[in-house]
Amino acid sequence: GTEAQGQSFREFVGSVMREGGDAESKRLAKVVAASMIGNVLEWFDFGVFAYFAPQIGANFFPPSNSATALLNAFAVFGGAFFIRPLGGVIFGHIGDTYGRKTALTMSVTMMGASTFIMGCLPTYADAGLWATLMLVVMRMFQGLSVGGEMVGSIIFSVESSPVNRQVLVGSLAMTGAILGLTLGSLTGLIIHSALSEGSVLEFGWRIPFLLGVLIAVFGLWMRK
């Protein structure tokens, strides 16, 4: 019942946080940390696009109509959600063939690289439609990556957990995703608060995307 489930959750948290826990508890704690942190990092990168959609629209689409540019930016943002299932299929196959660790390492690397490249892209004023095309391509890579990460991390968590902890541990991957989106929102708030509107439009929007290289490095270190 609910009481039993609540007790199970409390026991689980206590076992993974207890300093003197046994080897199995420590191993399970590492599994939880890997699945949660990986999703925090990937969904931070994935979600931060939305918080700077007005600046992205103004920089990557024709400046004739700001409302249309904003809608186009959100269309690119939404397009990545449609490609996420394909990422799950591709990285799921990689995980089945070469191992979950390989698939998860590839997904976090792809996310970090595509996000960093987005932060370096020329604008529409500099490269015209090529800038728009490169933005769309990098966003699609983000969609593939986050689809692979979510599916792969849940499967990895479930496969690495004892039977009586599989559902709980698997669900924590989604908790990491929500934390990542929240962190992205906080980053957007800080940048918008610290910089003027003109500065955010000119270069401020690039800051969270350039952090993608740090995301990739940390993700690779975490999954060694």
C-alpha atoms as a PDB file:
ATOM      1  CA  GLY A   1       0.000   0.000   0.000  1.00  0.00           C
ATOM      2  CA  THR A   2       0.956   3.688   0.117  1.00  0.00           C
ATOM      3  CA  GLU A   3       2.391   3.374   3.610  1.00  0.00           C
ATOM      4  CA  ALA A   4       4.570   0.465   2.537  1.00  0.00           C
ATOM      5  CA  GLN A   5       5.752   2.374  -0.520  1.00  0.00           C
ATOM      6  CA  GLY A   6       6.579   5.410   1.621  1.00  0.00           C
ATOM      7  CA  GLN A   7       8.534   3.257   4.021  1.00  0.00           C
ATOM      8  CA  SER A   8      10.347   1.643   1.091  1.00  0.00           C
ATOM      9  CA  PHE A   9      11.344   5.057  -0.226  1.00  0.00           C
ATOM     10  CA  ARG A  10      12.598   6.190   3.181  1.00  0.00           C
ATOM     11  CA  GLU A  11      14.595   2.989   3.566  1.00  0.00           C
ATOM     12  CA  PHE A  12      16.063   3.442   0.082  1.00  0.00           C
ATOM     13  CA  VAL A  13      17.113   7.053   0.687  1.00  0.00           C
ATOM     14  CA  GLY A  14      18.602   6.079   4.012  1.00  0.00           C
ATOM     15  CA  SER A  15      20.560   3.220   2.453  1.00  0.00           C
ATOM     16  CA  VAL A  16      22.103   5.292  -0.352  1.00  0.00           C
ATOM     17  CA  MET A  17      22.920   8.241   1.881  1.00  0.00           C
ATOM     18  CA  ARG A  18      24.199   6.313   4.903  1.00  0.00           C
ATOM     19  CA  GLU A  19      27.935   6.877   5.247  1.00  0.00           C
ATOM     20  CA  GLY A  20      28.589   3.362   6.394  1.00  0.00           C
ATOM     21  CA  GLY A  21      26.283   1.667   3.871  1.00  0.00           C
ATOM     22  CA  ASP A  22      27.190  -1.694   2.412  1.00  0.00           C
ATOM     23  CA  ALA A  23      28.788  -2.167  -1.006  1.00  0.00           C
ATOM     24  CA  GLU A  24      25.452  -2.782  -2.760  1.00  0.00           C
ATOM     25  CA  SER A  25      23.966   0.444  -1.375  1.00  0.00           C
ATOM     26  CA  LYS A  26      27.006   2.420  -2.497  1.00  0.00           C
ATOM     27  CA  ARG A  27      26.853   0.875  -5.963  1.00  0.00           C
ATOM     28  CA  LEU A  28      23.162   1.714  -6.202  1.00  0.00           C
ATOM     29  CA  ALA A  29      23.872   5.273  -5.087  1.00  0.00           C
ATOM     30  CA  LYS A  30      26.330   5.640  -7.968  1.00  0.00           C
ATOM     31  CA  VAL A  31      23.705   4.368 -10.399  1.00  0.00           C
ATOM     32  CA  VAL A  32      21.181   6.893  -9.092  1.00  0.00           C
ATOM     33  CA  ALA A  33      23.720   9.719  -9.264  1.00  0.00           C
ATOM     34  CA  ALA A  34      24.760   8.844 -12.827  1.00  0.00           C
ATOM     35  CA  SER A  35      21.204   8.685 -14.138  1.00  0.00           C
ATOM     36  CA  MET A  36      20.026  11.828 -12.330  1.00  0.00           C
ATOM     37  CA  ILE A  37      23.051  14.020 -12.992  1.00  0.00           C
ATOM     38  CA  GLY A  38      23.201  13.026 -16.646  1.00  0.00           C
ATOM     39  CA  ASN A  39      19.600  14.111 -17.118  1.00  0.00           C
ATOM     40  CA  VAL A  40      20.145  17.309 -15.137  1.00  0.00           C
ATOM     41  CA  LEU A  41      22.965  18.275 -17.494  1.00  0.00           C
ATOM     42  CA  GLU A  42      21.197  17.268 -20.699  1.00  0.00           C
ATOM     43  CA  TRP A  43      17.853  18.854 -19.875  1.00  0.00           C
ATOM     44  CA  PHE A  44      19.561  22.050 -18.769  1.00  0.00           C
ATOM     45  CA  ASP A  45      21.083  22.291 -22.247  1.00  0.00           C
ATOM     46  CA  PHE A  46      17.877  21.185 -23.927  1.00  0.00           C
ATOM     47  CA  GLY A  47      15.554  23.531 -22.057  1.00  0.00           C
ATOM     48  CA  VAL A  48      17.638  26.691 -21.965  1.00  0.00           C
ATOM     49  CA  PHE A  49      16.731  27.296 -25.636  1.00  0.00           C
ATOM     50  CA  ALA A  50      13.185  28.230 -24.600  1.00  0.00           C
ATOM     51  CA  TYR A  51      14.309  30.828 -22.076  1.00  0.00           C
ATOM     52  CA  PHE A  52      16.188  32.741 -24.776  1.00  0.00           C
ATOM     53  CA  ALA A  53      13.730  32.181 -27.635  1.00  0.00           C
ATOM     54  CA  PRO A  54      13.139  35.936 -28.246  1.00  0.00           C
ATOM     55  CA  GLN A  55      16.877  36.563 -28.643  1.00  0.00           C
ATOM     56  CA  ILE A  56      17.337  33.449 -30.778  1.00  0.00           C
ATOM     57  CA  GLY A  57      14.441  34.476 -33.009  1.00  0.00           C
ATOM     58  CA  ALA A  58      15.870  37.962 -33.448  1.00  0.00           C
ATOM     59  CA  ASN A  59      19.347  36.634 -34.266  1.00  0.00           C
ATOM     60  CA  PHE A  60      18.543  33.714 -36.563  1.00  0.00           C
ATOM     61  CA  PHE A  61      15.508  34.773 -38.579  1.00  0.00           C
ATOM     62  CA  PRO A  62      14.721  37.719 -40.900  1.00  0.00           C
ATOM     63  CA  PRO A  63      14.263  40.853 -38.790  1.00  0.00           C
ATOM     64  CA  SER A  64      11.224  42.115 -40.710  1.00  0.00           C
ATOM     65  CA  ASN A  65       8.686  40.772 -38.213  1.00  0.00           C
ATOM     66  CA  SER A  66       9.653  40.129 -34.582  1.00  0.00           C
ATOM     67  CA  ALA A  67       6.492  38.115 -33.834  1.00  0.00           C
ATOM     68  CA  THR A  68       7.164  35.766 -36.756  1.00  0.00           C
ATOM     69  CA  ALA A  69      10.801  35.420 -35.702  1.00  0.00           C
ATOM     70  CA  LEU A  70       9.705  34.438 -32.190  1.00  0.00           C
ATOM     71  CA  LEU A  71       7.246  31.870 -33.544  1.00  0.00           C
ATOM     72  CA  ASN A  72       9.976  30.450 -35.787  1.00  0.00           C
ATOM     73  CA  ALA A  73      12.295  30.124 -32.787  1.00  0.00           C
ATOM     74  CA  PHE A  74       9.652  28.189 -30.866  1.00  0.00           C
ATOM     75  CA  ALA A  75       9.036  26.015 -33.929  1.00  0.00           C
ATOM     76  CA  VAL A  76      12.726  25.050 -33.891  1.00  0.00           C
ATOM     77  CA  PHE A  77      12.457  24.476 -30.135  1.00  0.00           C
ATOM     78  CA  GLY A  78       9.432  22.214 -30.593  1.00  0.00           C
ATOM     79  CA  GLY A  79      10.954  20.342 -33.513  1.00  0.00           C
ATOM     80  CA  ALA A  80      13.485  18.736 -31.193  1.00  0.00           C
ATOM     81  CA  PHE A  81      10.644  17.106 -29.252  1.00  0.00           C
ATOM     82  CA  PHE A  82       9.421  15.358 -32.391  1.00  0.00           C
ATOM     83  CA  ILE A  83      12.845  13.859 -33.052  1.00  0.00           C
ATOM     84  CA  ARG A  84      13.368  12.656 -29.480  1.00  0.00           C
ATOM     85  CA  PRO A  85      11.757   9.229 -30.108  1.00  0.00           C
ATOM     86  CA  LEU A  86      14.228   8.636 -32.944  1.00  0.00           C
ATOM     87  CA  GLY A  87      17.049   9.394 -30.502  1.00  0.00           C
ATOM     88  CA  GLY A  88      15.622   6.797 -28.145  1.00  0.00           C
ATOM     89  CA  VAL A  89      15.590   4.197 -30.913  1.00  0.00           C
ATOM     90  CA  ILE A  90      19.113   4.994 -32.145  1.00  0.00           C
ATOM     91  CA  PHE A  91      20.765   5.133 -28.739  1.00  0.00           C
ATOM     92  CA  GLY A  92      18.702   2.189 -27.523  1.00  0.00           C
ATOM     93  CA  HIS A  93      20.164   0.123 -30.364  1.00  0.00           C
ATOM     94  CA  ILE A  94      23.657   1.383 -29.521  1.00  0.00           C
ATOM     95  CA  GLY A  95      23.104   0.443 -25.899  1.00  0.00           C
ATOM     96  CA  ASP A  96      21.927  -3.052 -26.816  1.00  0.00           C
ATOM     97  CA  THR A  97      24.839  -3.563 -29.198  1.00  0.00           C
ATOM     98  CA  TYR A  98      27.774  -1.821 -27.512  1.00  0.00           C
ATOM     99  CA  GLY A  99      26.600  -1.362 -23.910  1.00  0.00           C
ATOM    100  CA  ARG A 100      24.640   1.238 -21.952  1.00  0.00           C
ATOM    101  CA  LYS A 101      27.764   3.110 -20.888  1.00  0.00           C
ATOM    102  CA  THR A 102      28.795   3.664 -24.506  1.00  0.00           C
ATOM    103  CA  ALA A 103      25.334   4.909 -25.461  1.00  0.00           C
ATOM    104  CA  LEU A 104      25.092   7.275 -22.496  1.00  0.00           C
ATOM    105  CA  THR A 105      28.606   8.610 -23.093  1.00  0.00           C
ATOM    106  CA  MET A 106      27.759   9.296 -26.732  1.00  0.00           C
ATOM    107  CA  SER A 107      24.496  11.035 -25.852  1.00  0.00           C
ATOM    108  CA  VAL A 108      26.036  13.441 -23.343  1.00  0.00           C
ATOM    109  CA  THR A 109      28.910  14.169 -25.741  1.00  0.00           C
ATOM    110  CA  MET A 110      26.482  14.935 -28.566  1.00  0.00           C
ATOM    111  CA  MET A 111      24.450  17.214 -26.310  1.00  0.00           C
ATOM    112  CA  GLY A 112      27.481  19.118 -25.057  1.00  0.00           C
ATOM    113  CA  ALA A 113      28.978  19.527 -28.533  1.00  0.00           C
ATOM    114  CA  SER A 114      25.757  20.609 -30.265  1.00  0.00           C
ATOM    115  CA  THR A 115      24.929  23.065 -27.489  1.00  0.00           C
ATOM    116  CA  PHE A 116      28.405  24.589 -27.556  1.00  0.00           C
ATOM    117  CA  ILE A 117      28.282  24.939 -31.352  1.00  0.00           C
ATOM    118  CA  MET A 118      24.921  26.711 -31.066  1.00  0.00           C
ATOM    119  CA  GLY A 119      26.594  29.260 -28.821  1.00  0.00           C
ATOM    120  CA  CYS A 120      29.230  29.884 -31.505  1.00  0.00           C
ATOM    121  CA  LEU A 121      26.952  30.134 -34.543  1.00  0.00           C
ATOM    122  CA  PRO A 122      26.963  33.227 -36.774  1.00  0.00           C
ATOM    123  CA  THR A 123      23.704  35.158 -36.843  1.00  0.00           C
ATOM    124  CA  TYR A 124      21.293  35.704 -39.717  1.00  0.00           C
ATOM    125  CA  ALA A 125      22.871  39.115 -40.290  1.00  0.00           C
ATOM    126  CA  ASP A 126      26.257  37.420 -40.777  1.00  0.00           C
ATOM    127  CA  ALA A 127      25.380  34.244 -42.684  1.00  0.00           C
ATOM    128  CA  GLY A 128      21.773  34.537 -43.794  1.00  0.00           C
ATOM    129  CA  LEU A 129      19.786  31.318 -44.122  1.00  0.00           C
ATOM    130  CA  TRP A 130      22.922  29.251 -43.456  1.00  0.00           C
ATOM    131  CA  ALA A 131      22.802  30.472 -39.861  1.00  0.00           C
ATOM    132  CA  THR A 132      19.167  29.394 -39.583  1.00  0.00           C
ATOM    133  CA  LEU A 133      19.933  25.991 -41.114  1.00  0.00           C
ATOM    134  CA  MET A 134      22.857  25.380 -38.742  1.00  0.00           C
ATOM    135  CA  LEU A 135      20.657  26.328 -35.791  1.00  0.00           C
ATOM    136  CA  VAL A 136      18.005  23.816 -36.861  1.00  0.00           C
ATOM    137  CA  VAL A 137      20.573  21.040 -37.381  1.00  0.00           C
ATOM    138  CA  MET A 138      22.161  21.590 -33.955  1.00  0.00           C
ATOM    139  CA  ARG A 139      18.747  21.659 -32.332  1.00  0.00           C
ATOM    140  CA  MET A 140      17.885  18.334 -33.962  1.00  0.00           C
ATOM    141  CA  PHE A 141      21.116  16.859 -32.579  1.00  0.00           C
ATOM    142  CA  GLN A 142      19.984  18.068 -29.161  1.00  0.00           C
ATOM    143  CA  GLY A 143      16.677  16.283 -29.644  1.00  0.00           C
ATOM    144  CA  LEU A 144      18.387  13.034 -30.619  1.00  0.00           C
ATOM    145  CA  SER A 145      20.705  13.325 -27.642  1.00  0.00           C
ATOM    146  CA  VAL A 146      18.108  13.994 -24.981  1.00  0.00           C
ATOM    147  CA  GLY A 147      15.886  11.223 -26.362  1.00  0.00           C
ATOM    148  CA  GLY A 148      18.771   8.787 -26.092  1.00  0.00           C
ATOM    149  CA  GLU A 149      19.752   9.990 -22.633  1.00  0.00           C
ATOM    150  CA  MET A 150      16.298   9.691 -21.126  1.00  0.00           C
ATOM    151  CA  VAL A 151      15.615   6.211 -22.466  1.00  0.00           C
ATOM    152  CA  GLY A 152      19.154   4.967 -21.845  1.00  0.00           C
ATOM    153  CA  SER A 153      19.422   6.278 -18.300  1.00  0.00           C
ATOM    154  CA  ILE A 154      16.097   4.775 -17.254  1.00  0.00           C
ATOM    155  CA  ILE A 155      16.995   1.385 -18.742  1.00  0.00           C
ATOM    156  CA  PHE A 156      20.465   1.521 -17.190  1.00  0.00           C
ATOM    157  CA  SER A 157      18.990   2.397 -13.795  1.00  0.00           C
ATOM    158  CA  VAL A 158      16.417  -0.386 -13.912  1.00  0.00           C
ATOM    159  CA  GLU A 159      18.862  -3.013 -15.157  1.00  0.00           C
ATOM    160  CA  SER A 160      21.386  -2.066 -12.457  1.00  0.00           C
ATOM    161  CA  SER A 161      18.919  -2.145  -9.558  1.00  0.00           C
ATOM    162  CA  PRO A 162      17.547  -4.978  -7.426  1.00  0.00           C
ATOM    163  CA  VAL A 163      14.002  -6.053  -8.302  1.00  0.00           C
ATOM    164  CA  ASN A 164      12.447  -4.315  -5.292  1.00  0.00           C
ATOM    165  CA  ARG A 165      14.046  -0.970  -6.246  1.00  0.00           C
ATOM    166  CA  GLN A 166      13.716  -0.903 -10.040  1.00  0.00           C
ATOM    167  CA  VAL A 167      10.641   1.325 -10.348  1.00  0.00           C
ATOM    168  CA  LEU A 168      11.887   3.824  -7.782  1.00  0.00           C
ATOM    169  CA  VAL A 169      15.401   4.100  -9.181  1.00  0.00           C
ATOM    170  CA  GLY A 170      14.119   4.317 -12.752  1.00  0.00           C
ATOM    171  CA  SER A 171      11.764   7.159 -11.844  1.00  0.00           C
ATOM    172  CA  LEU A 172      14.624   9.244 -10.428  1.00  0.00           C
ATOM    173  CA  ALA A 173      15.985   9.761 -13.956  1.00  0.00           C
ATOM    174  CA  MET A 174      12.902  11.876 -14.697  1.00  0.00           C
ATOM    175  CA  THR A 175      13.501  13.817 -11.502  1.00  0.00           C
ATOM    176  CA  GLY A 176      16.902  14.757 -12.899  1.00  0.00           C
ATOM    177  CA  ALA A 177      15.245  16.038 -16.076  1.00  0.00           C
ATOM    178  CA  ILE A 178      12.948  18.350 -14.100  1.00  0.00           C
ATOM    179  CA  LEU A 179      15.881  19.611 -12.056  1.00  0.00           C
ATOM    180  CA  GLY A 180      17.742  20.366 -15.280  1.00  0.00           C
ATOM    181  CA  LEU A 181      14.862  22.403 -16.663  1.00  0.00           C
ATOM    182  CA  THR A 182      14.639  24.271 -13.359  1.00  0.00           C
ATOM    183  CA  LEU A 183      18.375  25.006 -13.452  1.00  0.00           C
ATOM    184  CA  GLY A 184      18.020  26.295 -17.007  1.00  0.00           C
ATOM    185  CA  SER A 185      15.193  28.588 -15.914  1.00  0.00           C
ATOM    186  CA  LEU A 186      17.305  29.911 -13.036  1.00  0.00           C
ATOM    187  CA  THR A 187      20.238  30.538 -15.388  1.00  0.00           C
ATOM    188  CA  GLY A 188      17.964  32.480 -17.729  1.00  0.00           C
ATOM    189  CA  LEU A 189      16.671  34.560 -14.837  1.00  0.00           C
ATOM    190  CA  ILE A 190      20.198  35.391 -13.655  1.00  0.00           C
ATOM    191  CA  ILE A 191      21.407  36.418 -17.116  1.00  0.00           C
ATOM    192  CA  HIS A 192      18.344  38.537 -17.813  1.00  0.00           C
ATOM    193  CA  SER A 193      18.696  40.192 -14.409  1.00  0.00           C
ATOM    194  CA  ALA A 194      22.438  40.825 -14.685  1.00  0.00           C
ATOM    195  CA  LEU A 195      22.560  42.154 -18.253  1.00  0.00           C
ATOM    196  CA  SER A 196      20.677  44.811 -20.151  1.00  0.00           C
ATOM    197  CA  GLU A 197      18.182  43.781 -22.817  1.00  0.00           C
ATOM    198  CA  GLY A 198      20.599  44.889 -25.521  1.00  0.00           C
ATOM    199  CA  SER A 199      23.464  42.896 -24.023  1.00  0.00           C
ATOM    200  CA  VAL A 200      21.353  39.748 -23.763  1.00  0.00           C
ATOM    201  CA  LEU A 201      20.369  40.162 -27.405  1.00  0.00           C
ATOM    202  CA  GLU A 202      23.962  40.757 -28.505  1.00  0.00           C
ATOM    203  CA  PHE A 203      25.888  38.133 -26.558  1.00  0.00           C
ATOM    204  CA  GLY A 204      24.181  37.193 -23.290  1.00  0.00           C
ATOM    205  CA  TRP A 205      22.015  34.500 -24.869  1.00  0.00           C
ATOM    206  CA  ARG A 206      25.199  32.661 -25.917  1.00  0.00           C
ATOM    207  CA  ILE A 207      26.497  32.191 -22.368  1.00  0.00           C
ATOM    208  CA  PRO A 208      24.444  29.123 -21.311  1.00  0.00           C
ATOM    209  CA  PHE A 209      25.070  27.471 -24.686  1.00  0.00           C
ATOM    210  CA  LEU A 210      28.822  27.953 -24.417  1.00  0.00           C
ATOM    211  CA  LEU A 211      28.642  26.140 -21.100  1.00  0.00           C
ATOM    212  CA  GLY A 212      27.875  23.068 -23.200  1.00  0.00           C
ATOM    213  CA  VAL A 213      31.577  22.239 -23.435  1.00  0.00           C
ATOM    214  CA  LEU A 214      31.775  22.062 -19.643  1.00  0.00           C
ATOM    215  CA  ILE A 215      28.673  19.879 -19.648  1.00  0.00           C
ATOM    216  CA  ALA A 216      30.312  17.452 -22.068  1.00  0.00           C
ATOM    217  CA  VAL A 217      33.565  17.283 -20.107  1.00  0.00           C
ATOM    218  CA  PHE A 218      31.757  16.719 -16.817  1.00  0.00           C
ATOM    219  CA  GLY A 219      29.487  14.130 -18.385  1.00  0.00           C
ATOM    220  CA  LEU A 220      32.443  12.196 -19.799  1.00  0.00           C
ATOM    221  CA  TRP A 221      34.245  12.311 -16.456  1.00  0.00           C
ATOM    222  CA  MET A 222      31.134  11.172 -14.636  1.00  0.00           C
ATOM    223  CA  ARG A 223      30.695   8.136 -16.873  1.00  0.00           C
ATOM    224  CA  LYS A 224      34.246   6.845 -16.858  1.00  0.00           C
END
